[in-house]
């Protein structure tokens, strides 16, 4: 297998980190996306786009996708499916039409496909019960890819990722960092709920193994830090005071009010339950098959800040 890789979503948070690490490792990288600066400026939601012959690579990493938002309208809901599902189909169909089939296809998915808010060491055999537009669009993409890869003799890898950590992260981790930096973050109860995380740079380290072996894998840092540990590490790294703690009973009242205020409130009962519930995933399969040896995210807090 040669060292040429085509990656989508290279301008995004995770795609950029993976791309930089792969280039450092000596891979020849081609990027495809709708932003200027890509080697191939193409919008994957455009069903009529044609894959350039020069885009042929032995490995395709599909990291483009829509996440980190809660849809408020029907059009916003449909956008998840247009980007995550239809965009994946368009990419693969264009590869098929251009006859530039890769040997390996790596799809960046999410643990949201399991549709659970709490639980410990959930593995890849768990049923896919995700009900959000984000989760459902990824489930559809996973299932479609499995059929496409089988029909075209392509080695398929699916990575189901939890919260991804790296420099200036988006999403919930980014919100926590900004809240602590601005003194507007409140720690709830004993903050003992544990969450699975993964260090973004580690994902690039197993691309070659994925290309050879394929399969579906959860990836985590193997430690699963608690909210309290994260809060303290972040505060120390920024030389800030530890976040103010509020009792659980107070948080429940605030969340109760949030149920009535709707989007005007930063928290409601559902969000509170997710924040205060442990949710971890099992990465044993990746450790055994891919020799996955991840970096504890807590050791990288200063790099994240």
C-alpha atoms as a PDB file:
ATOM      1  CA  UNK A   1       0.000   0.000   0.000  1.00  0.00           C
ATOM      2  CA  UNK A   2       1.427   3.381  -1.005  1.00  0.00           C
ATOM      3  CA  UNK A   3       1.528   6.468   1.206  1.00  0.00           C
ATOM      4  CA  UNK A   4      -1.084   8.621  -0.586  1.00  0.00           C
ATOM      5  CA  UNK A   5      -4.151   9.536   1.478  1.00  0.00           C
ATOM      6  CA  UNK A   6      -7.247  11.516   0.506  1.00  0.00           C
ATOM      7  CA  UNK A   7      -8.960  13.162   3.474  1.00  0.00           C
ATOM      8  CA  UNK A   8     -12.229  15.063   3.688  1.00  0.00           C
ATOM      9  CA  UNK A   9     -12.873  17.582   6.461  1.00  0.00           C
ATOM     10  CA  UNK A  10      -9.201  18.552   6.710  1.00  0.00           C
ATOM     11  CA  UNK A  11     -10.139  22.111   7.666  1.00  0.00           C
ATOM     12  CA  UNK A  12     -12.217  20.952  10.634  1.00  0.00           C
ATOM     13  CA  UNK A  13     -11.008  20.510  14.207  1.00  0.00           C
ATOM     14  CA  UNK A  14     -10.275  16.771  14.040  1.00  0.00           C
ATOM     15  CA  UNK A  15      -9.442  16.625  10.335  1.00  0.00           C
ATOM     16  CA  UNK A  16      -6.808  19.326  10.691  1.00  0.00           C
ATOM     17  CA  UNK A  17      -5.097  17.543  13.575  1.00  0.00           C
ATOM     18  CA  UNK A  18      -5.101  14.186  11.794  1.00  0.00           C
ATOM     19  CA  UNK A  19      -3.811  15.796   8.582  1.00  0.00           C
ATOM     20  CA  UNK A  20      -0.915  17.532  10.326  1.00  0.00           C
ATOM     21  CA  UNK A  21       0.173  14.340  12.089  1.00  0.00           C
ATOM     22  CA  UNK A  22      -0.015  12.287   8.895  1.00  0.00           C
ATOM     23  CA  UNK A  23       2.120  14.785   6.990  1.00  0.00           C
ATOM     24  CA  UNK A  24       4.649  14.714   9.839  1.00  0.00           C
ATOM     25  CA  UNK A  25       4.692  10.929   9.506  1.00  0.00           C
ATOM     26  CA  UNK A  26       5.620  11.134   5.830  1.00  0.00           C
ATOM     27  CA  UNK A  27       2.282  10.514   4.122  1.00  0.00           C
ATOM     28  CA  UNK A  28       1.376  12.301   0.903  1.00  0.00           C
ATOM     29  CA  UNK A  29      -1.915  14.004   1.691  1.00  0.00           C
ATOM     30  CA  UNK A  30      -4.665  15.226  -0.625  1.00  0.00           C
ATOM     31  CA  UNK A  31      -7.540  17.224   0.838  1.00  0.00           C
ATOM     32  CA  UNK A  32     -11.106  17.476  -0.423  1.00  0.00           C
ATOM     33  CA  UNK A  33     -13.686  19.916   0.917  1.00  0.00           C
ATOM     34  CA  UNK A  34     -15.740  22.992   0.171  1.00  0.00           C
ATOM     35  CA  UNK A  35     -13.381  25.505   1.788  1.00  0.00           C
ATOM     36  CA  UNK A  36     -10.699  27.297  -0.187  1.00  0.00           C
ATOM     37  CA  UNK A  37      -7.267  25.863   0.371  1.00  0.00           C
ATOM     38  CA  UNK A  38      -8.246  22.255  -0.254  1.00  0.00           C
ATOM     39  CA  UNK A  39      -6.488  20.421  -3.050  1.00  0.00           C
ATOM     40  CA  UNK A  40      -9.959  19.698  -4.440  1.00  0.00           C
ATOM     41  CA  UNK A  41     -12.579  22.319  -3.568  1.00  0.00           C
ATOM     42  CA  UNK A  42     -15.779  20.277  -3.672  1.00  0.00           C
ATOM     43  CA  UNK A  43     -19.037  20.421  -1.695  1.00  0.00           C
ATOM     44  CA  UNK A  44     -19.936  16.830  -0.819  1.00  0.00           C
ATOM     45  CA  UNK A  45     -23.627  17.703  -0.611  1.00  0.00           C
ATOM     46  CA  UNK A  46     -23.577  18.401  -4.356  1.00  0.00           C
ATOM     47  CA  UNK A  47     -24.789  15.135  -5.880  1.00  0.00           C
ATOM     48  CA  UNK A  48     -23.443  15.999  -9.309  1.00  0.00           C
ATOM     49  CA  UNK A  49     -19.813  16.558  -8.368  1.00  0.00           C
ATOM     50  CA  UNK A  50     -17.215  14.418 -10.103  1.00  0.00           C
ATOM     51  CA  UNK A  51     -14.164  12.963  -8.403  1.00  0.00           C
ATOM     52  CA  UNK A  52     -11.001  14.202 -10.127  1.00  0.00           C
ATOM     53  CA  UNK A  53      -8.753  11.403 -11.384  1.00  0.00           C
ATOM     54  CA  UNK A  54      -5.863  13.030  -9.503  1.00  0.00           C
ATOM     55  CA  UNK A  55      -7.728  12.386  -6.244  1.00  0.00           C
ATOM     56  CA  UNK A  56      -7.053   8.653  -6.431  1.00  0.00           C
ATOM     57  CA  UNK A  57      -5.429   7.422  -3.217  1.00  0.00           C
ATOM     58  CA  UNK A  58      -4.868   4.108  -1.498  1.00  0.00           C
ATOM     59  CA  UNK A  59      -6.573   5.357   1.683  1.00  0.00           C
ATOM     60  CA  UNK A  60      -9.596   7.640   2.038  1.00  0.00           C
ATOM     61  CA  UNK A  61     -10.310   9.196   5.443  1.00  0.00           C
ATOM     62  CA  UNK A  62     -13.810  10.651   5.601  1.00  0.00           C
ATOM     63  CA  UNK A  63     -13.710  13.132   8.474  1.00  0.00           C
ATOM     64  CA  UNK A  64     -16.113  15.726   7.048  1.00  0.00           C
ATOM     65  CA  UNK A  65     -19.413  15.977   8.867  1.00  0.00           C
ATOM     66  CA  UNK A  66     -21.851  18.079  10.846  1.00  0.00           C
ATOM     67  CA  UNK A  67     -21.818  18.000  14.645  1.00  0.00           C
ATOM     68  CA  UNK A  68     -21.717  20.190  17.773  1.00  0.00           C
ATOM     69  CA  UNK A  69     -25.151  21.710  17.364  1.00  0.00           C
ATOM     70  CA  UNK A  70     -28.743  21.010  18.370  1.00  0.00           C
ATOM     71  CA  UNK A  71     -31.172  21.580  15.481  1.00  0.00           C
ATOM     72  CA  UNK A  72     -33.940  24.068  16.189  1.00  0.00           C
ATOM     73  CA  UNK A  73     -35.742  23.886  12.861  1.00  0.00           C
ATOM     74  CA  UNK A  74     -36.670  21.224  10.327  1.00  0.00           C
ATOM     75  CA  UNK A  75     -34.099  22.568   7.870  1.00  0.00           C
ATOM     76  CA  UNK A  76     -31.367  22.333  10.498  1.00  0.00           C
ATOM     77  CA  UNK A  77     -32.424  18.743  11.200  1.00  0.00           C
ATOM     78  CA  UNK A  78     -32.320  17.872   7.510  1.00  0.00           C
ATOM     79  CA  UNK A  79     -28.834  19.359   7.228  1.00  0.00           C
ATOM     80  CA  UNK A  80     -27.431  16.579   9.430  1.00  0.00           C
ATOM     81  CA  UNK A  81     -28.694  13.969   6.982  1.00  0.00           C
ATOM     82  CA  UNK A  82     -27.663  16.005   3.939  1.00  0.00           C
ATOM     83  CA  UNK A  83     -24.083  16.353   5.182  1.00  0.00           C
ATOM     84  CA  UNK A  84     -23.429  13.172   7.165  1.00  0.00           C
ATOM     85  CA  UNK A  85     -25.442  10.640   5.148  1.00  0.00           C
ATOM     86  CA  UNK A  86     -25.999  12.027   1.658  1.00  0.00           C
ATOM     87  CA  UNK A  87     -22.528  13.580   1.643  1.00  0.00           C
ATOM     88  CA  UNK A  88     -21.007  10.183   2.391  1.00  0.00           C
ATOM     89  CA  UNK A  89     -23.017   8.564  -0.392  1.00  0.00           C
ATOM     90  CA  UNK A  90     -22.048  11.292  -2.843  1.00  0.00           C
ATOM     91  CA  UNK A  91     -18.370  10.860  -1.994  1.00  0.00           C
ATOM     92  CA  UNK A  92     -18.425   7.099  -2.488  1.00  0.00           C
ATOM     93  CA  UNK A  93     -20.581   7.198  -5.603  1.00  0.00           C
ATOM     94  CA  UNK A  94     -18.195   9.691  -7.185  1.00  0.00           C
ATOM     95  CA  UNK A  95     -15.265   7.424  -6.310  1.00  0.00           C
ATOM     96  CA  UNK A  96     -17.065   4.531  -7.970  1.00  0.00           C
ATOM     97  CA  UNK A  97     -17.914   6.554 -11.088  1.00  0.00           C
ATOM     98  CA  UNK A  98     -14.357   7.835 -11.456  1.00  0.00           C
ATOM     99  CA  UNK A  99     -12.991   4.323 -11.012  1.00  0.00           C
ATOM    100  CA  UNK A 100     -10.485   5.546  -8.423  1.00  0.00           C
ATOM    101  CA  UNK A 101     -11.355   3.007  -5.750  1.00  0.00           C
ATOM    102  CA  UNK A 102      -9.143   3.092  -2.654  1.00  0.00           C
ATOM    103  CA  UNK A 103      -7.862  -0.010  -0.926  1.00  0.00           C
ATOM    104  CA  UNK A 104      -9.083   1.311   2.418  1.00  0.00           C
ATOM    105  CA  UNK A 105     -11.842   3.687   3.569  1.00  0.00           C
ATOM    106  CA  UNK A 106     -11.833   5.091   7.122  1.00  0.00           C
ATOM    107  CA  UNK A 107     -15.045   6.698   8.379  1.00  0.00           C
ATOM    108  CA  UNK A 108     -15.124   9.012  11.394  1.00  0.00           C
ATOM    109  CA  UNK A 109     -18.299   8.181  13.306  1.00  0.00           C
ATOM    110  CA  UNK A 110     -19.401   8.760  16.901  1.00  0.00           C
ATOM    111  CA  UNK A 111     -20.389   6.949  20.090  1.00  0.00           C
ATOM    112  CA  UNK A 112     -23.664   8.873  19.803  1.00  0.00           C
ATOM    113  CA  UNK A 113     -24.848   6.045  17.543  1.00  0.00           C
ATOM    114  CA  UNK A 114     -25.397   3.915  20.656  1.00  0.00           C
ATOM    115  CA  UNK A 115     -28.019   6.348  21.932  1.00  0.00           C
ATOM    116  CA  UNK A 116     -27.115   6.070  25.614  1.00  0.00           C
ATOM    117  CA  UNK A 117     -26.770   8.832  28.206  1.00  0.00           C
ATOM    118  CA  UNK A 118     -25.263   6.696  30.951  1.00  0.00           C
ATOM    119  CA  UNK A 119     -23.423   3.403  31.281  1.00  0.00           C
ATOM    120  CA  UNK A 120     -19.957   1.972  31.695  1.00  0.00           C
ATOM    121  CA  UNK A 121     -17.614   0.352  29.169  1.00  0.00           C
ATOM    122  CA  UNK A 122     -20.113   0.107  26.324  1.00  0.00           C
ATOM    123  CA  UNK A 123     -18.571  -1.907  23.494  1.00  0.00           C
ATOM    124  CA  UNK A 124     -19.041  -2.068  19.742  1.00  0.00           C
ATOM    125  CA  UNK A 125     -21.686  -4.802  19.977  1.00  0.00           C
ATOM    126  CA  UNK A 126     -24.191  -2.473  21.673  1.00  0.00           C
ATOM    127  CA  UNK A 127     -27.307  -1.858  19.585  1.00  0.00           C
ATOM    128  CA  UNK A 128     -27.415   1.398  17.651  1.00  0.00           C
ATOM    129  CA  UNK A 129     -30.243   3.250  19.374  1.00  0.00           C
ATOM    130  CA  UNK A 130     -29.158   6.823  18.653  1.00  0.00           C
ATOM    131  CA  UNK A 131     -32.229   8.982  18.079  1.00  0.00           C
ATOM    132  CA  UNK A 132     -30.810  12.473  17.498  1.00  0.00           C
ATOM    133  CA  UNK A 133     -30.417  13.700  13.908  1.00  0.00           C
ATOM    134  CA  UNK A 134     -26.648  13.574  14.400  1.00  0.00           C
ATOM    135  CA  UNK A 135     -26.705   9.956  15.600  1.00  0.00           C
ATOM    136  CA  UNK A 136     -29.246   8.775  13.049  1.00  0.00           C
ATOM    137  CA  UNK A 137     -27.375  10.348  10.138  1.00  0.00           C
ATOM    138  CA  UNK A 138     -24.177   8.608  11.252  1.00  0.00           C
ATOM    139  CA  UNK A 139     -25.968   5.255  11.674  1.00  0.00           C
ATOM    140  CA  UNK A 140     -27.351   5.497   8.148  1.00  0.00           C
ATOM    141  CA  UNK A 141     -23.895   6.379   6.813  1.00  0.00           C
ATOM    142  CA  UNK A 142     -22.268   3.455   8.643  1.00  0.00           C
ATOM    143  CA  UNK A 143     -24.774   0.943   7.282  1.00  0.00           C
ATOM    144  CA  UNK A 144     -24.590   2.295   3.732  1.00  0.00           C
ATOM    145  CA  UNK A 145     -20.784   2.223   3.812  1.00  0.00           C
ATOM    146  CA  UNK A 146     -20.725  -1.389   4.934  1.00  0.00           C
ATOM    147  CA  UNK A 147     -22.682  -2.411   1.851  1.00  0.00           C
ATOM    148  CA  UNK A 148     -20.679  -0.176  -0.506  1.00  0.00           C
ATOM    149  CA  UNK A 149     -17.343  -1.428   0.829  1.00  0.00           C
ATOM    150  CA  UNK A 150     -18.398  -5.069   0.547  1.00  0.00           C
ATOM    151  CA  UNK A 151     -19.591  -4.605  -3.043  1.00  0.00           C
ATOM    152  CA  UNK A 152     -16.367  -2.865  -4.065  1.00  0.00           C
ATOM    153  CA  UNK A 153     -13.852  -4.923  -2.087  1.00  0.00           C
ATOM    154  CA  UNK A 154     -12.741  -1.944   0.001  1.00  0.00           C
ATOM    155  CA  UNK A 155     -11.341  -2.406   3.503  1.00  0.00           C
ATOM    156  CA  UNK A 156     -13.721  -0.384   5.707  1.00  0.00           C
ATOM    157  CA  UNK A 157     -12.889   1.018   9.130  1.00  0.00           C
ATOM    158  CA  UNK A 158     -15.397   2.848  11.325  1.00  0.00           C
ATOM    159  CA  UNK A 159     -14.168   4.879  14.285  1.00  0.00           C
ATOM    160  CA  UNK A 160     -16.768   5.639  16.947  1.00  0.00           C
ATOM    161  CA  UNK A 161     -15.354   8.541  18.887  1.00  0.00           C
ATOM    162  CA  UNK A 162     -16.378  10.054  22.219  1.00  0.00           C
ATOM    163  CA  UNK A 163     -15.445  13.612  23.205  1.00  0.00           C
ATOM    164  CA  UNK A 164     -12.324  14.471  21.187  1.00  0.00           C
ATOM    165  CA  UNK A 165      -9.629  16.552  22.866  1.00  0.00           C
ATOM    166  CA  UNK A 166      -7.006  18.715  21.203  1.00  0.00           C
ATOM    167  CA  UNK A 167      -5.851  22.317  21.057  1.00  0.00           C
ATOM    168  CA  UNK A 168      -8.791  24.772  21.297  1.00  0.00           C
ATOM    169  CA  UNK A 169     -11.495  22.090  21.082  1.00  0.00           C
ATOM    170  CA  UNK A 170     -15.101  22.804  20.054  1.00  0.00           C
ATOM    171  CA  UNK A 171     -18.206  21.406  21.731  1.00  0.00           C
ATOM    172  CA  UNK A 172     -18.647  20.718  25.429  1.00  0.00           C
ATOM    173  CA  UNK A 173     -14.946  20.639  26.286  1.00  0.00           C
ATOM    174  CA  UNK A 174     -14.400  23.999  24.632  1.00  0.00           C
ATOM    175  CA  UNK A 175     -17.381  25.411  26.525  1.00  0.00           C
ATOM    176  CA  UNK A 176     -15.959  24.127  29.822  1.00  0.00           C
ATOM    177  CA  UNK A 177     -12.566  25.707  29.117  1.00  0.00           C
ATOM    178  CA  UNK A 178     -14.093  29.065  28.171  1.00  0.00           C
ATOM    179  CA  UNK A 179     -16.379  29.003  31.192  1.00  0.00           C
ATOM    180  CA  UNK A 180     -13.511  28.371  33.607  1.00  0.00           C
ATOM    181  CA  UNK A 181     -11.371  30.998  31.872  1.00  0.00           C
ATOM    182  CA  UNK A 182     -14.156  33.599  32.210  1.00  0.00           C
ATOM    183  CA  UNK A 183     -15.168  32.599  35.728  1.00  0.00           C
ATOM    184  CA  UNK A 184     -18.654  31.615  34.553  1.00  0.00           C
ATOM    185  CA  UNK A 185     -18.401  27.854  35.003  1.00  0.00           C
ATOM    186  CA  UNK A 186     -20.269  26.121  37.826  1.00  0.00           C
ATOM    187  CA  UNK A 187     -19.265  22.681  39.086  1.00  0.00           C
ATOM    188  CA  UNK A 188     -22.293  20.571  39.964  1.00  0.00           C
ATOM    189  CA  UNK A 189     -22.462  18.354  43.036  1.00  0.00           C
ATOM    190  CA  UNK A 190     -19.384  16.189  43.566  1.00  0.00           C
ATOM    191  CA  UNK A 191     -18.566  16.237  39.816  1.00  0.00           C
ATOM    192  CA  UNK A 192     -17.782  12.524  39.965  1.00  0.00           C
ATOM    193  CA  UNK A 193     -19.401  11.524  36.656  1.00  0.00           C
ATOM    194  CA  UNK A 194     -16.808  10.004  34.305  1.00  0.00           C
ATOM    195  CA  UNK A 195     -16.756  10.521  30.568  1.00  0.00           C
ATOM    196  CA  UNK A 196     -14.747   8.836  27.846  1.00  0.00           C
ATOM    197  CA  UNK A 197     -12.404  11.080  25.887  1.00  0.00           C
ATOM    198  CA  UNK A 198      -9.732  10.598  23.240  1.00  0.00           C
ATOM    199  CA  UNK A 199      -6.639  12.602  22.329  1.00  0.00           C
ATOM    200  CA  UNK A 200      -7.061  13.646  18.683  1.00  0.00           C
ATOM    201  CA  UNK A 201      -3.419  13.164  17.655  1.00  0.00           C
ATOM    202  CA  UNK A 202      -3.548   9.523  18.757  1.00  0.00           C
ATOM    203  CA  UNK A 203      -6.092   8.741  16.036  1.00  0.00           C
ATOM    204  CA  UNK A 204      -3.529   9.453  13.309  1.00  0.00           C
ATOM    205  CA  UNK A 205      -1.155   6.914  14.842  1.00  0.00           C
ATOM    206  CA  UNK A 206      -3.341   3.928  13.911  1.00  0.00           C
ATOM    207  CA  UNK A 207      -4.225   4.856  10.318  1.00  0.00           C
ATOM    208  CA  UNK A 208      -1.826   2.292   8.844  1.00  0.00           C
ATOM    209  CA  UNK A 209      -3.208  -0.506  11.040  1.00  0.00           C
ATOM    210  CA  UNK A 210      -6.767   0.471  10.154  1.00  0.00           C
ATOM    211  CA  UNK A 211      -5.948   0.440   6.466  1.00  0.00           C
ATOM    212  CA  UNK A 212      -4.679  -3.126   6.725  1.00  0.00           C
ATOM    213  CA  UNK A 213      -7.183  -4.647   9.149  1.00  0.00           C
ATOM    214  CA  UNK A 214     -10.454  -2.698   8.966  1.00  0.00           C
ATOM    215  CA  UNK A 215     -13.263  -3.060  11.490  1.00  0.00           C
ATOM    216  CA  UNK A 216     -15.411  -0.958  13.805  1.00  0.00           C
ATOM    217  CA  UNK A 217     -13.781   0.460  16.925  1.00  0.00           C
ATOM    218  CA  UNK A 218     -14.460   2.625  19.944  1.00  0.00           C
ATOM    219  CA  UNK A 219     -11.462   4.809  20.755  1.00  0.00           C
ATOM    220  CA  UNK A 220     -10.886   6.305  24.211  1.00  0.00           C
ATOM    221  CA  UNK A 221      -7.935   7.478  26.268  1.00  0.00           C
ATOM    222  CA  UNK A 222      -8.407   4.472  28.549  1.00  0.00           C
ATOM    223  CA  UNK A 223      -8.712   6.585  31.702  1.00  0.00           C
ATOM    224  CA  UNK A 224     -12.145   8.210  31.466  1.00  0.00           C
ATOM    225  CA  UNK A 225     -11.626  11.284  33.698  1.00  0.00           C
ATOM    226  CA  UNK A 226     -14.321  12.661  35.946  1.00  0.00           C
ATOM    227  CA  UNK A 227     -15.724  16.158  35.529  1.00  0.00           C
ATOM    228  CA  UNK A 228     -14.041  17.124  38.787  1.00  0.00           C
ATOM    229  CA  UNK A 229     -10.621  16.001  37.562  1.00  0.00           C
ATOM    230  CA  UNK A 230     -11.047  17.877  34.291  1.00  0.00           C
ATOM    231  CA  UNK A 231     -12.251  21.041  35.996  1.00  0.00           C
ATOM    232  CA  UNK A 232      -9.317  21.071  38.414  1.00  0.00           C
ATOM    233  CA  UNK A 233      -6.678  20.329  35.762  1.00  0.00           C
ATOM    234  CA  UNK A 234      -8.033  23.044  33.466  1.00  0.00           C
ATOM    235  CA  UNK A 235      -8.185  25.619  36.272  1.00  0.00           C
ATOM    236  CA  UNK A 236      -4.607  24.856  37.335  1.00  0.00           C
ATOM    237  CA  UNK A 237      -3.341  25.039  33.736  1.00  0.00           C
ATOM    238  CA  UNK A 238      -4.874  28.510  33.368  1.00  0.00           C
ATOM    239  CA  UNK A 239      -3.844  29.613  36.851  1.00  0.00           C
ATOM    240  CA  UNK A 240      -7.494  30.109  37.760  1.00  0.00           C
ATOM    241  CA  UNK A 241      -9.387  29.367  40.939  1.00  0.00           C
ATOM    242  CA  UNK A 242     -11.293  26.106  41.102  1.00  0.00           C
ATOM    243  CA  UNK A 243     -14.832  26.522  39.731  1.00  0.00           C
ATOM    244  CA  UNK A 244     -17.595  27.445  42.142  1.00  0.00           C
ATOM    245  CA  UNK A 245     -19.507  24.378  43.255  1.00  0.00           C
ATOM    246  CA  UNK A 246     -23.275  24.300  43.560  1.00  0.00           C
ATOM    247  CA  UNK A 247     -25.199  21.577  45.403  1.00  0.00           C
ATOM    248  CA  UNK A 248     -27.116  19.084  43.308  1.00  0.00           C
ATOM    249  CA  UNK A 249     -30.433  20.219  44.759  1.00  0.00           C
ATOM    250  CA  UNK A 250     -29.758  23.764  43.515  1.00  0.00           C
ATOM    251  CA  UNK A 251     -28.793  22.439  40.086  1.00  0.00           C
ATOM    252  CA  UNK A 252     -32.038  20.467  39.927  1.00  0.00           C
ATOM    253  CA  UNK A 253     -34.086  23.599  40.630  1.00  0.00           C
ATOM    254  CA  UNK A 254     -32.201  25.540  37.947  1.00  0.00           C
ATOM    255  CA  UNK A 255     -32.755  22.688  35.496  1.00  0.00           C
ATOM    256  CA  UNK A 256     -36.431  22.529  36.436  1.00  0.00           C
ATOM    257  CA  UNK A 257     -36.809  26.204  35.558  1.00  0.00           C
ATOM    258  CA  UNK A 258     -34.891  25.547  32.350  1.00  0.00           C
ATOM    259  CA  UNK A 259     -37.518  23.010  31.316  1.00  0.00           C
ATOM    260  CA  UNK A 260     -40.013  25.874  31.095  1.00  0.00           C
ATOM    261  CA  UNK A 261     -37.675  28.504  29.647  1.00  0.00           C
ATOM    262  CA  UNK A 262     -36.602  26.307  26.739  1.00  0.00           C
ATOM    263  CA  UNK A 263     -33.690  27.561  24.622  1.00  0.00           C
ATOM    264  CA  UNK A 264     -33.318  30.660  26.799  1.00  0.00           C
ATOM    265  CA  UNK A 265     -31.855  28.495  29.569  1.00  0.00           C
ATOM    266  CA  UNK A 266     -28.323  27.014  29.447  1.00  0.00           C
ATOM    267  CA  UNK A 267     -29.507  23.878  31.222  1.00  0.00           C
ATOM    268  CA  UNK A 268     -32.606  21.716  31.627  1.00  0.00           C
ATOM    269  CA  UNK A 269     -33.353  18.397  33.308  1.00  0.00           C
ATOM    270  CA  UNK A 270     -32.143  16.332  30.341  1.00  0.00           C
ATOM    271  CA  UNK A 271     -28.856  18.209  30.124  1.00  0.00           C
ATOM    272  CA  UNK A 272     -28.345  17.936  33.879  1.00  0.00           C
ATOM    273  CA  UNK A 273     -28.858  14.185  33.752  1.00  0.00           C
ATOM    274  CA  UNK A 274     -26.262  13.836  30.995  1.00  0.00           C
ATOM    275  CA  UNK A 275     -23.747  16.025  32.806  1.00  0.00           C
ATOM    276  CA  UNK A 276     -24.060  14.129  36.079  1.00  0.00           C
ATOM    277  CA  UNK A 277     -24.172  10.592  34.648  1.00  0.00           C
ATOM    278  CA  UNK A 278     -21.124   8.443  33.987  1.00  0.00           C
ATOM    279  CA  UNK A 279     -20.795   7.400  30.345  1.00  0.00           C
ATOM    280  CA  UNK A 280     -17.748   5.390  29.289  1.00  0.00           C
ATOM    281  CA  UNK A 281     -16.890   3.173  26.335  1.00  0.00           C
ATOM    282  CA  UNK A 282     -14.774   0.055  25.963  1.00  0.00           C
ATOM    283  CA  UNK A 283     -11.766   0.257  23.613  1.00  0.00           C
ATOM    284  CA  UNK A 284     -10.491  -3.293  24.258  1.00  0.00           C
ATOM    285  CA  UNK A 285     -11.062  -4.295  20.636  1.00  0.00           C
ATOM    286  CA  UNK A 286      -8.802  -1.501  19.359  1.00  0.00           C
ATOM    287  CA  UNK A 287      -6.144  -2.375  21.927  1.00  0.00           C
ATOM    288  CA  UNK A 288      -6.118  -6.019  20.911  1.00  0.00           C
ATOM    289  CA  UNK A 289      -6.345  -5.640  17.137  1.00  0.00           C
ATOM    290  CA  UNK A 290      -4.731  -2.260  16.425  1.00  0.00           C
ATOM    291  CA  UNK A 291      -2.255  -2.111  19.308  1.00  0.00           C
ATOM    292  CA  UNK A 292      -4.070   1.045  20.431  1.00  0.00           C
ATOM    293  CA  UNK A 293      -2.014   2.691  23.200  1.00  0.00           C
ATOM    294  CA  UNK A 294      -3.677   6.045  23.860  1.00  0.00           C
ATOM    295  CA  UNK A 295      -2.496   9.133  25.707  1.00  0.00           C
ATOM    296  CA  UNK A 296      -4.443  10.105  28.869  1.00  0.00           C
ATOM    297  CA  UNK A 297      -6.145  13.395  28.052  1.00  0.00           C
ATOM    298  CA  UNK A 298      -5.410  14.738  31.542  1.00  0.00           C
ATOM    299  CA  UNK A 299      -1.696  14.610  30.669  1.00  0.00           C
ATOM    300  CA  UNK A 300      -2.351  16.962  27.752  1.00  0.00           C
ATOM    301  CA  UNK A 301      -4.444  19.669  29.395  1.00  0.00           C
ATOM    302  CA  UNK A 302      -1.736  22.310  28.997  1.00  0.00           C
ATOM    303  CA  UNK A 303      -1.630  21.572  25.254  1.00  0.00           C
ATOM    304  CA  UNK A 304      -5.419  21.867  25.024  1.00  0.00           C
ATOM    305  CA  UNK A 305      -5.464  25.280  26.686  1.00  0.00           C
END
